[in-house]
Amino acid sequence: MKANIRMVLLGELILLVVIFLFMIMVGGAGLSSIVWFIDFPSIILIILFLIPGLLIMGVWKDFVKAFSVGIKPYSLLELKNIIGAVGAAQKLTVLGALVAIITAGVFIMGSLDDPSSLGPKLAVCFLAGLYAVVIEYFLLPLKLNAERKMNEEMDFEDD
C-alpha cells in the first residue's frame, strides 16, 4: 500500500498531539500547563533560519515539492533535488535551534544572581530543542518518501 505523504504527516501530527496530551494529563498539571510549551521567540528564531535559508540556497521550490512526492510524478533529478532540499531544511532547523539554545544560555548566565528566573530560562533552552525535534519529526518522512520514490524510479528504469 502506497501511503500519501500528506496523510502520513497528518497521522504523525495526530499521534504527536495525542502523546503530548497524554503526557500533560499524566504529569498532573492539567491542560493549563500547555502554555509552558509555548515560546514564540524560539519558534520564530528557528523559522528565521529555516525559510530564508532555503530561499537563499535556492531550494525553496524543491522543499515545497517534497509535500507532493508520490502524488505528482517527478524525474530522478527533481527527486534528488527534493532530497537535498529536505536535508538542508533538517540542518537549518538544527542550526536555528542551536542558536536559540545558545541565546537562552547567554540570558541564563547573565542572570545567575536571580535564582528565581533560572527555571523559566532553562525551560526556554529545552523548548528550542523540543521544537527542533518536532520539526525533524515531520521532515524525516518527507525525505524518506522522496528517497523511496527515487529508488522506485531507478528500479523502474533498470527494467
N, C-alpha and C. Protein backbone atom coordinates (compact mmCIF):
# COMPACT_ATOMS: atom_id res chain seq x y z
N MET A 1 0.85 -1.19 0.00
CA MET A 1 0.00 0.00 0.00
C MET A 1 0.89 1.24 0.00
N LYS A 2 0.64 2.12 -0.96
CA LYS A 2 1.40 3.35 -1.02
C LYS A 2 0.67 4.41 -0.20
N ALA A 3 1.38 4.97 0.74
CA ALA A 3 0.77 5.97 1.61
C ALA A 3 0.98 7.36 1.02
N ASN A 4 -0.05 8.15 1.02
CA ASN A 4 0.04 9.54 0.61
C ASN A 4 0.83 10.28 1.69
N ILE A 5 1.87 11.01 1.29
CA ILE A 5 2.74 11.67 2.28
C ILE A 5 1.96 12.67 3.12
N ARG A 6 0.96 13.26 2.56
CA ARG A 6 0.15 14.22 3.34
C ARG A 6 -0.63 13.51 4.44
N MET A 7 -1.10 12.30 4.14
CA MET A 7 -1.81 11.52 5.16
C MET A 7 -0.84 11.05 6.24
N VAL A 8 0.38 10.71 5.82
CA VAL A 8 1.41 10.32 6.79
C VAL A 8 1.69 11.47 7.74
N LEU A 9 1.86 12.66 7.18
CA LEU A 9 2.13 13.83 8.03
C LEU A 9 0.95 14.15 8.95
N LEU A 10 -0.25 14.00 8.44
CA LEU A 10 -1.44 14.21 9.28
C LEU A 10 -1.49 13.17 10.39
N GLY A 11 -1.19 11.92 10.06
CA GLY A 11 -1.14 10.87 11.07
C GLY A 11 -0.09 11.15 12.13
N GLU A 12 1.08 11.64 11.69
CA GLU A 12 2.13 11.99 12.66
C GLU A 12 1.67 13.12 13.56
N LEU A 13 0.99 14.11 12.98
CA LEU A 13 0.51 15.23 13.78
C LEU A 13 -0.49 14.76 14.83
N ILE A 14 -1.41 13.91 14.43
CA ILE A 14 -2.40 13.38 15.38
C ILE A 14 -1.71 12.58 16.48
N LEU A 15 -0.76 11.73 16.10
CA LEU A 15 -0.02 10.95 17.09
C LEU A 15 0.74 11.85 18.05
N LEU A 16 1.38 12.87 17.53
CA LEU A 16 2.13 13.80 18.37
C LEU A 16 1.22 14.52 19.36
N VAL A 17 0.06 14.97 18.89
CA VAL A 17 -0.88 15.67 19.77
C VAL A 17 -1.41 14.72 20.85
N VAL A 18 -1.74 13.49 20.47
CA VAL A 18 -2.27 12.52 21.45
C VAL A 18 -1.21 12.22 22.51
N ILE A 19 0.03 11.98 22.08
CA ILE A 19 1.11 11.69 23.04
C ILE A 19 1.36 12.89 23.94
N PHE A 20 1.36 14.09 23.36
CA PHE A 20 1.57 15.31 24.13
C PHE A 20 0.48 15.50 25.18
N LEU A 21 -0.79 15.35 24.77
CA LEU A 21 -1.89 15.50 25.73
C LEU A 21 -1.85 14.42 26.81
N PHE A 22 -1.48 13.20 26.42
CA PHE A 22 -1.35 12.12 27.40
C PHE A 22 -0.28 12.47 28.44
N MET A 23 0.86 12.96 27.96
CA MET A 23 1.94 13.31 28.89
C MET A 23 1.53 14.45 29.82
N ILE A 24 0.77 15.38 29.30
CA ILE A 24 0.33 16.50 30.14
C ILE A 24 -0.64 16.01 31.21
N MET A 25 -1.55 15.13 30.82
CA MET A 25 -2.53 14.61 31.78
C MET A 25 -1.86 13.74 32.83
N VAL A 26 -0.91 12.92 32.43
CA VAL A 26 -0.22 12.05 33.38
C VAL A 26 0.66 12.88 34.31
N GLY A 27 1.19 13.98 33.79
CA GLY A 27 2.05 14.85 34.59
C GLY A 27 1.33 15.51 35.75
N GLY A 28 0.01 15.57 35.69
CA GLY A 28 -0.75 16.09 36.80
C GLY A 28 -0.98 17.59 36.79
N ALA A 29 -0.38 18.32 35.87
CA ALA A 29 -0.55 19.77 35.85
C ALA A 29 -1.81 20.19 35.12
N GLY A 30 -2.40 19.29 34.34
CA GLY A 30 -3.62 19.60 33.62
C GLY A 30 -3.37 20.36 32.33
N LEU A 31 -4.47 20.67 31.67
CA LEU A 31 -4.37 21.35 30.37
C LEU A 31 -3.79 22.76 30.47
N SER A 32 -3.86 23.36 31.65
CA SER A 32 -3.31 24.71 31.79
C SER A 32 -1.81 24.75 31.60
N SER A 33 -1.15 23.59 31.71
CA SER A 33 0.30 23.55 31.55
C SER A 33 0.73 23.58 30.08
N ILE A 34 -0.22 23.55 29.15
CA ILE A 34 0.13 23.62 27.73
C ILE A 34 0.90 24.90 27.43
N VAL A 35 0.57 25.99 28.11
CA VAL A 35 1.26 27.26 27.85
C VAL A 35 2.73 27.19 28.23
N TRP A 36 3.12 26.25 29.03
CA TRP A 36 4.53 26.08 29.39
C TRP A 36 5.36 25.68 28.17
N PHE A 37 4.70 25.10 27.17
CA PHE A 37 5.40 24.59 26.00
C PHE A 37 5.39 25.58 24.83
N ILE A 38 4.99 26.80 25.08
CA ILE A 38 4.94 27.80 24.02
C ILE A 38 5.98 28.87 24.28
N ASP A 39 6.89 29.02 23.33
CA ASP A 39 7.90 30.07 23.37
C ASP A 39 8.07 30.62 21.97
N PHE A 40 7.34 31.70 21.68
CA PHE A 40 7.35 32.25 20.33
C PHE A 40 8.72 32.73 19.86
N PRO A 41 9.55 33.35 20.71
CA PRO A 41 10.87 33.74 20.21
C PRO A 41 11.70 32.56 19.69
N SER A 42 11.64 31.43 20.35
CA SER A 42 12.39 30.26 19.87
C SER A 42 11.83 29.75 18.55
N ILE A 43 10.51 29.70 18.45
CA ILE A 43 9.88 29.25 17.21
C ILE A 43 10.25 30.19 16.07
N ILE A 44 10.15 31.47 16.32
CA ILE A 44 10.45 32.46 15.29
C ILE A 44 11.92 32.38 14.87
N LEU A 45 12.81 32.20 15.82
CA LEU A 45 14.23 32.10 15.50
C LEU A 45 14.52 30.89 14.63
N ILE A 46 13.90 29.77 14.93
CA ILE A 46 14.10 28.57 14.11
C ILE A 46 13.54 28.80 12.71
N ILE A 47 12.36 29.39 12.62
CA ILE A 47 11.75 29.67 11.31
C ILE A 47 12.59 30.69 10.53
N LEU A 48 13.18 31.66 11.24
CA LEU A 48 14.03 32.65 10.57
C LEU A 48 15.32 32.03 10.04
N PHE A 49 15.72 30.92 10.56
CA PHE A 49 16.85 30.19 9.99
C PHE A 49 16.37 29.31 8.83
N LEU A 50 15.23 28.68 9.00
CA LEU A 50 14.75 27.69 8.04
C LEU A 50 14.32 28.31 6.71
N ILE A 51 13.32 29.15 6.73
CA ILE A 51 12.73 29.64 5.48
C ILE A 51 13.70 30.53 4.69
N PRO A 52 14.27 31.59 5.29
CA PRO A 52 15.21 32.38 4.50
C PRO A 52 16.43 31.57 4.04
N GLY A 53 16.87 30.62 4.87
CA GLY A 53 18.00 29.77 4.48
C GLY A 53 17.68 28.98 3.22
N LEU A 54 16.49 28.40 3.16
CA LEU A 54 16.09 27.64 1.98
C LEU A 54 15.95 28.56 0.77
N LEU A 55 15.42 29.76 1.00
CA LEU A 55 15.29 30.73 -0.10
C LEU A 55 16.65 31.17 -0.62
N ILE A 56 17.57 31.46 0.29
CA ILE A 56 18.91 31.91 -0.10
C ILE A 56 19.64 30.81 -0.88
N MET A 57 19.49 29.57 -0.44
CA MET A 57 20.13 28.45 -1.13
C MET A 57 19.46 28.11 -2.45
N GLY A 58 18.28 28.67 -2.68
CA GLY A 58 17.56 28.41 -3.93
C GLY A 58 16.87 27.07 -3.98
N VAL A 59 16.55 26.51 -2.82
CA VAL A 59 15.92 25.19 -2.81
C VAL A 59 14.49 25.22 -2.24
N TRP A 60 13.94 26.41 -2.08
CA TRP A 60 12.59 26.52 -1.50
C TRP A 60 11.56 25.76 -2.34
N LYS A 61 11.60 25.93 -3.66
CA LYS A 61 10.62 25.26 -4.52
C LYS A 61 10.76 23.74 -4.42
N ASP A 62 12.00 23.27 -4.35
CA ASP A 62 12.21 21.83 -4.20
C ASP A 62 11.70 21.34 -2.86
N PHE A 63 11.87 22.15 -1.81
CA PHE A 63 11.36 21.78 -0.49
C PHE A 63 9.83 21.67 -0.52
N VAL A 64 9.17 22.61 -1.16
CA VAL A 64 7.71 22.58 -1.24
C VAL A 64 7.24 21.37 -2.04
N LYS A 65 8.00 21.00 -3.06
CA LYS A 65 7.65 19.82 -3.86
C LYS A 65 7.66 18.54 -3.02
N ALA A 66 8.43 18.52 -1.94
CA ALA A 66 8.52 17.33 -1.11
C ALA A 66 7.17 16.92 -0.55
N PHE A 67 6.25 17.87 -0.44
CA PHE A 67 4.93 17.57 0.11
C PHE A 67 4.01 16.90 -0.92
N SER A 68 4.47 16.82 -2.18
CA SER A 68 3.63 16.17 -3.20
C SER A 68 4.34 15.02 -3.90
N VAL A 69 5.46 14.55 -3.33
CA VAL A 69 6.13 13.37 -3.88
C VAL A 69 5.21 12.17 -3.70
N GLY A 70 5.03 11.42 -4.74
CA GLY A 70 4.11 10.28 -4.70
C GLY A 70 2.72 10.65 -5.19
N ILE A 71 2.44 11.94 -5.21
CA ILE A 71 1.15 12.42 -5.73
C ILE A 71 1.35 12.89 -7.17
N LYS A 72 2.44 13.65 -7.37
CA LYS A 72 2.79 14.13 -8.70
C LYS A 72 4.04 13.38 -9.15
N PRO A 73 4.17 13.17 -10.45
CA PRO A 73 5.38 12.49 -10.93
C PRO A 73 6.57 13.46 -11.00
N TYR A 74 7.73 12.99 -10.58
CA TYR A 74 8.94 13.79 -10.64
C TYR A 74 10.05 12.96 -11.27
N SER A 75 10.95 13.65 -11.97
CA SER A 75 12.09 12.97 -12.57
C SER A 75 13.11 12.63 -11.48
N LEU A 76 14.09 11.82 -11.84
CA LEU A 76 15.13 11.45 -10.88
C LEU A 76 15.89 12.68 -10.40
N LEU A 77 16.18 13.60 -11.31
CA LEU A 77 16.90 14.82 -10.93
C LEU A 77 16.07 15.65 -9.95
N GLU A 78 14.78 15.78 -10.23
CA GLU A 78 13.91 16.52 -9.31
C GLU A 78 13.85 15.85 -7.94
N LEU A 79 13.76 14.54 -7.93
CA LEU A 79 13.73 13.82 -6.65
C LEU A 79 15.03 14.00 -5.88
N LYS A 80 16.14 13.98 -6.59
CA LYS A 80 17.43 14.21 -5.94
C LYS A 80 17.49 15.62 -5.36
N ASN A 81 16.98 16.60 -6.09
CA ASN A 81 16.95 17.98 -5.59
C ASN A 81 16.01 18.11 -4.39
N ILE A 82 14.90 17.40 -4.41
CA ILE A 82 13.96 17.42 -3.29
C ILE A 82 14.62 16.84 -2.04
N ILE A 83 15.31 15.72 -2.21
CA ILE A 83 16.01 15.10 -1.07
C ILE A 83 17.05 16.06 -0.51
N GLY A 84 17.78 16.72 -1.37
CA GLY A 84 18.76 17.71 -0.92
C GLY A 84 18.12 18.88 -0.19
N ALA A 85 16.97 19.33 -0.70
CA ALA A 85 16.28 20.46 -0.07
C ALA A 85 15.77 20.10 1.32
N VAL A 86 15.22 18.89 1.47
CA VAL A 86 14.73 18.46 2.79
C VAL A 86 15.91 18.26 3.74
N GLY A 87 17.01 17.73 3.23
CA GLY A 87 18.22 17.60 4.05
C GLY A 87 18.73 18.95 4.53
N ALA A 88 18.69 19.93 3.63
CA ALA A 88 19.09 21.29 4.03
C ALA A 88 18.14 21.85 5.08
N ALA A 89 16.85 21.57 4.94
CA ALA A 89 15.87 22.04 5.93
C ALA A 89 16.14 21.40 7.29
N GLN A 90 16.51 20.13 7.29
CA GLN A 90 16.83 19.46 8.55
C GLN A 90 18.03 20.13 9.23
N LYS A 91 19.06 20.41 8.46
CA LYS A 91 20.26 21.03 9.04
C LYS A 91 19.98 22.46 9.50
N LEU A 92 19.21 23.20 8.73
CA LEU A 92 18.88 24.58 9.12
C LEU A 92 18.04 24.61 10.39
N THR A 93 17.16 23.63 10.53
CA THR A 93 16.34 23.55 11.75
C THR A 93 17.23 23.33 12.97
N VAL A 94 18.18 22.43 12.85
CA VAL A 94 19.10 22.17 13.97
C VAL A 94 19.93 23.42 14.27
N LEU A 95 20.43 24.08 13.23
CA LEU A 95 21.22 25.30 13.45
C LEU A 95 20.40 26.39 14.13
N GLY A 96 19.16 26.57 13.68
CA GLY A 96 18.28 27.56 14.31
C GLY A 96 18.03 27.25 15.77
N ALA A 97 17.81 25.96 16.07
CA ALA A 97 17.59 25.57 17.46
C ALA A 97 18.84 25.78 18.30
N LEU A 98 20.01 25.49 17.74
CA LEU A 98 21.25 25.71 18.48
C LEU A 98 21.45 27.18 18.79
N VAL A 99 21.16 28.04 17.84
CA VAL A 99 21.27 29.48 18.10
C VAL A 99 20.29 29.90 19.19
N ALA A 100 19.06 29.37 19.15
CA ALA A 100 18.08 29.70 20.19
C ALA A 100 18.54 29.19 21.56
N ILE A 101 19.10 27.99 21.60
CA ILE A 101 19.58 27.42 22.87
C ILE A 101 20.75 28.23 23.41
N ILE A 102 21.69 28.57 22.53
CA ILE A 102 22.85 29.35 22.98
C ILE A 102 22.42 30.75 23.44
N THR A 103 21.50 31.36 22.73
CA THR A 103 21.00 32.67 23.13
C THR A 103 20.33 32.61 24.50
N ALA A 104 19.51 31.59 24.71
CA ALA A 104 18.87 31.42 26.02
C ALA A 104 19.92 31.16 27.09
N GLY A 105 20.96 30.40 26.75
CA GLY A 105 22.04 30.14 27.70
C GLY A 105 22.77 31.41 28.10
N VAL A 106 22.95 32.31 27.16
CA VAL A 106 23.58 33.60 27.47
C VAL A 106 22.71 34.39 28.45
N PHE A 107 21.39 34.37 28.23
CA PHE A 107 20.49 35.06 29.16
C PHE A 107 20.54 34.43 30.55
N ILE A 108 20.66 33.11 30.58
CA ILE A 108 20.76 32.42 31.88
C ILE A 108 22.03 32.85 32.60
N MET A 109 23.13 32.83 31.89
CA MET A 109 24.41 33.21 32.51
C MET A 109 24.41 34.67 32.95
N GLY A 110 23.67 35.50 32.23
CA GLY A 110 23.60 36.92 32.60
C GLY A 110 22.74 37.20 33.81
N SER A 111 21.94 36.23 34.21
CA SER A 111 21.05 36.47 35.35
C SER A 111 21.20 35.41 36.43
N LEU A 112 22.38 34.91 36.62
CA LEU A 112 22.59 33.90 37.66
C LEU A 112 22.41 34.47 39.07
N ASP A 113 22.46 35.80 39.20
CA ASP A 113 22.25 36.40 40.51
C ASP A 113 20.79 36.36 40.94
N ASP A 114 19.88 36.01 40.02
CA ASP A 114 18.46 35.90 40.34
C ASP A 114 18.02 34.45 40.18
N PRO A 115 18.13 33.65 41.24
CA PRO A 115 17.82 32.21 41.13
C PRO A 115 16.37 31.93 40.74
N SER A 116 15.45 32.85 41.02
CA SER A 116 14.05 32.59 40.70
C SER A 116 13.79 32.58 39.19
N SER A 117 14.67 33.22 38.41
CA SER A 117 14.46 33.25 36.96
C SER A 117 15.18 32.10 36.25
N LEU A 118 15.94 31.31 37.01
CA LEU A 118 16.72 30.24 36.41
C LEU A 118 15.83 29.17 35.76
N GLY A 119 14.80 28.74 36.45
CA GLY A 119 13.91 27.68 35.94
C GLY A 119 13.23 28.05 34.63
N PRO A 120 12.54 29.20 34.56
CA PRO A 120 11.89 29.56 33.30
C PRO A 120 12.87 29.73 32.14
N LYS A 121 14.05 30.25 32.41
CA LYS A 121 15.02 30.44 31.34
C LYS A 121 15.61 29.11 30.88
N LEU A 122 15.78 28.16 31.79
CA LEU A 122 16.21 26.82 31.40
C LEU A 122 15.13 26.13 30.56
N ALA A 123 13.88 26.38 30.90
CA ALA A 123 12.78 25.80 30.13
C ALA A 123 12.82 26.30 28.69
N VAL A 124 13.15 27.56 28.51
CA VAL A 124 13.25 28.11 27.16
C VAL A 124 14.35 27.39 26.37
N CYS A 125 15.46 27.10 27.03
CA CYS A 125 16.53 26.34 26.37
C CYS A 125 16.01 24.99 25.88
N PHE A 126 15.31 24.29 26.73
CA PHE A 126 14.79 22.98 26.36
C PHE A 126 13.73 23.07 25.27
N LEU A 127 12.92 24.13 25.29
CA LEU A 127 11.87 24.26 24.29
C LEU A 127 12.42 24.40 22.88
N ALA A 128 13.51 25.14 22.73
CA ALA A 128 14.10 25.28 21.40
C ALA A 128 14.53 23.92 20.86
N GLY A 129 15.10 23.11 21.72
CA GLY A 129 15.47 21.75 21.31
C GLY A 129 14.25 20.91 20.99
N LEU A 130 13.20 21.04 21.79
CA LEU A 130 11.96 20.31 21.54
C LEU A 130 11.37 20.69 20.19
N TYR A 131 11.36 21.98 19.88
CA TYR A 131 10.83 22.42 18.60
C TYR A 131 11.62 21.83 17.43
N ALA A 132 12.94 21.79 17.57
CA ALA A 132 13.77 21.21 16.51
C ALA A 132 13.44 19.72 16.32
N VAL A 133 13.23 19.02 17.42
CA VAL A 133 12.90 17.59 17.34
C VAL A 133 11.53 17.41 16.67
N VAL A 134 10.57 18.25 17.00
CA VAL A 134 9.24 18.13 16.41
C VAL A 134 9.30 18.43 14.91
N ILE A 135 10.03 19.47 14.52
CA ILE A 135 10.15 19.78 13.09
C ILE A 135 10.85 18.64 12.36
N GLU A 136 11.89 18.09 12.96
CA GLU A 136 12.60 16.95 12.36
C GLU A 136 11.66 15.75 12.24
N TYR A 137 10.76 15.58 13.19
CA TYR A 137 9.78 14.50 13.18
C TYR A 137 8.92 14.56 11.92
N PHE A 138 8.67 15.77 11.41
CA PHE A 138 7.89 15.93 10.19
C PHE A 138 8.75 15.94 8.93
N LEU A 139 10.00 16.36 9.04
CA LEU A 139 10.88 16.42 7.87
C LEU A 139 11.40 15.03 7.48
N LEU A 140 11.63 14.18 8.46
CA LEU A 140 12.19 12.86 8.17
C LEU A 140 11.32 12.04 7.21
N PRO A 141 10.00 11.95 7.40
CA PRO A 141 9.19 11.19 6.44
C PRO A 141 9.20 11.80 5.04
N LEU A 142 9.33 13.14 4.96
CA LEU A 142 9.40 13.77 3.65
C LEU A 142 10.63 13.28 2.89
N LYS A 143 11.75 13.25 3.59
CA LYS A 143 13.00 12.82 2.97
C LYS A 143 12.94 11.34 2.62
N LEU A 144 12.46 10.52 3.55
CA LEU A 144 12.38 9.08 3.30
C LEU A 144 11.42 8.76 2.15
N ASN A 145 10.34 9.50 2.05
CA ASN A 145 9.38 9.29 0.97
C ASN A 145 10.02 9.62 -0.37
N ALA A 146 10.75 10.73 -0.44
CA ALA A 146 11.41 11.10 -1.69
C ALA A 146 12.50 10.09 -2.05
N GLU A 147 13.24 9.60 -1.06
CA GLU A 147 14.27 8.59 -1.33
C GLU A 147 13.64 7.29 -1.81
N ARG A 148 12.54 6.89 -1.20
CA ARG A 148 11.84 5.67 -1.62
C ARG A 148 11.35 5.82 -3.06
N LYS A 149 10.78 6.97 -3.37
CA LYS A 149 10.27 7.22 -4.72
C LYS A 149 11.42 7.23 -5.73
N MET A 150 12.56 7.81 -5.37
CA MET A 150 13.71 7.83 -6.26
C MET A 150 14.21 6.40 -6.52
N ASN A 151 14.25 5.60 -5.46
CA ASN A 151 14.67 4.20 -5.62
C ASN A 151 13.71 3.43 -6.53
N GLU A 152 12.41 3.69 -6.39
CA GLU A 152 11.42 3.05 -7.25
C GLU A 152 11.63 3.45 -8.70
N GLU A 153 11.88 4.74 -8.93
CA GLU A 153 12.10 5.24 -10.29
C GLU A 153 13.37 4.64 -10.88
N MET A 154 14.42 4.53 -10.08
CA MET A 154 15.67 3.95 -10.58
C MET A 154 15.48 2.47 -10.89
N ASP A 155 14.72 1.77 -10.06
CA ASP A 155 14.45 0.35 -10.29
C ASP A 155 13.60 0.18 -11.54
N PHE A 156 12.65 1.08 -11.74
CA PHE A 156 11.77 1.03 -12.92
C PHE A 156 12.57 1.26 -14.19
N GLU A 157 13.55 2.16 -14.14
CA GLU A 157 14.38 2.44 -15.32
C GLU A 157 15.30 1.27 -15.65
N ASP A 158 15.69 0.50 -14.62
CA ASP A 158 16.57 -0.65 -14.86
C ASP A 158 15.85 -1.78 -15.59
N ASP A 159 14.53 -1.88 -15.40
CA ASP A 159 13.75 -2.98 -16.02
C ASP A 159 13.57 -2.79 -17.49
